[in-house]
Amino acid sequence: MPEKKSKFRSSGSRKSAKRSSRSSTKFIPNLTQINDAAAELPDPDIWPESNYQCPLEVDGKQRSIEFTLKSINRGKEQAPRWIYEGKVLIRKRDV
């Protein structure tokens, strides 16, 4: 009889999965990083996807900032624009 595979991960995998998800949600970009990433955005009129991940290096680690393509009203026309929908870290010394 074939052995059944458990749908539960071992405790070691669970810990590493929690650690990796926690580290990715821990990153909150500051205003400078948002501005730097925004300068690298592709043209929204020709970008084929609805999202863009802008990579950046922070303290020697690879991070990314995700922008979403939204259509906004400009008078009678619809215009595509990039939107950042996450949190932003604002330090008084950066303003």
Protein backbone atom coordinates (compact mmCIF):
# COMPACT_ATOMS: atom_id res chain seq x y z
CA MET A 1 0.00 0.00 0.00
CA PRO A 2 1.47 3.43 -0.95
CA GLU A 3 2.48 5.67 1.88
CA LYS A 4 0.25 8.71 2.39
CA LYS A 5 1.96 12.06 2.20
CA SER A 6 1.20 14.35 5.08
CA LYS A 7 -0.28 17.69 4.15
CA PHE A 8 1.51 19.25 7.09
CA ARG A 9 5.07 20.52 6.87
CA SER A 10 7.73 19.54 9.33
CA SER A 11 8.36 22.04 12.07
CA GLY A 12 11.63 23.07 10.41
CA SER A 13 9.91 24.01 7.13
CA ARG A 14 7.15 25.82 8.95
CA LYS A 15 9.66 27.93 10.84
CA SER A 16 11.55 28.87 7.68
CA ALA A 17 8.27 29.66 5.88
CA LYS A 18 7.19 31.92 8.73
CA ARG A 19 10.58 33.59 8.80
CA SER A 20 10.58 34.33 5.08
CA SER A 21 7.03 35.69 5.07
CA ARG A 22 7.75 37.80 8.13
CA SER A 23 10.88 39.33 6.57
CA SER A 24 9.06 40.23 3.36
CA THR A 25 6.23 41.97 5.22
CA LYS A 26 8.66 43.68 7.60
CA PHE A 27 10.08 45.98 4.90
CA ILE A 28 8.43 49.40 4.76
CA PRO A 29 10.09 51.74 2.24
CA ASN A 30 10.88 55.35 3.06
CA LEU A 31 10.08 58.37 0.86
CA THR A 32 13.48 58.34 -0.84
CA GLN A 33 13.12 54.67 -1.77
CA ILE A 34 9.60 55.27 -3.13
CA ASN A 35 10.85 58.21 -5.22
CA ASP A 36 13.83 56.21 -6.51
CA ALA A 37 11.57 53.31 -7.45
CA ALA A 38 9.03 55.65 -9.10
CA ALA A 39 11.79 57.05 -11.31
CA GLU A 40 12.35 53.52 -12.68
CA LEU A 41 8.69 52.78 -13.55
CA PRO A 42 7.95 51.80 -17.15
CA ASP A 43 5.55 53.75 -19.34
CA PRO A 44 2.03 52.84 -18.10
CA ASP A 45 0.59 53.27 -21.62
CA ILE A 46 2.60 50.34 -22.98
CA TRP A 47 3.22 48.13 -19.90
CA PRO A 48 1.40 44.80 -20.55
CA GLU A 49 0.85 43.75 -16.92
CA SER A 50 -1.20 45.25 -14.09
CA ASN A 51 1.70 45.25 -11.58
CA TYR A 52 5.35 46.18 -11.56
CA GLN A 53 7.89 45.02 -8.97
CA CYS A 54 10.69 47.54 -8.68
CA PRO A 55 13.79 45.86 -7.17
CA LEU A 56 16.06 47.73 -4.77
CA GLU A 57 18.85 46.86 -2.40
CA VAL A 58 18.48 47.85 1.25
CA ASP A 59 21.26 47.09 3.74
CA GLY A 60 22.68 44.46 1.40
CA LYS A 61 19.33 42.67 0.99
CA GLN A 62 17.17 42.51 -2.14
CA ARG A 63 13.78 44.11 -1.56
CA SER A 64 11.09 45.23 -3.96
CA ILE A 65 8.34 47.81 -4.08
CA GLU A 66 5.17 46.87 -5.92
CA PHE A 67 3.24 49.38 -7.98
CA THR A 68 -0.21 48.72 -9.45
CA LEU A 69 -1.51 50.05 -12.73
CA LYS A 70 -4.83 51.88 -12.29
CA SER A 71 -7.02 53.70 -14.74
CA ILE A 72 -8.05 57.19 -13.61
CA ASN A 73 -10.46 59.73 -15.08
CA ARG A 74 -8.86 62.69 -16.83
CA GLY A 75 -11.83 64.67 -17.96
CA LYS A 76 -13.69 62.42 -20.38
CA GLU A 77 -10.73 60.09 -20.91
CA GLN A 78 -9.27 57.20 -18.93
CA ALA A 79 -5.52 57.42 -18.29
CA PRO A 80 -3.30 54.65 -16.84
CA ARG A 81 -1.25 55.63 -13.78
CA TRP A 82 1.06 53.81 -11.38
CA ILE A 83 -0.16 53.60 -7.77
CA TYR A 84 1.79 52.57 -4.68
CA GLU A 85 -0.68 51.07 -2.21
CA GLY A 86 1.61 50.15 0.69
CA LYS A 87 2.84 51.82 3.84
CA VAL A 88 5.58 54.46 3.81
CA LEU A 89 8.11 55.07 6.56
CA ILE A 90 8.50 58.81 7.18
CA ARG A 91 11.29 60.01 9.41
CA LYS A 92 11.40 63.66 10.43
CA ARG A 93 15.01 63.95 9.28
CA ASP A 94 14.03 62.84 5.76
CA VAL A 95 11.37 65.48 5.24
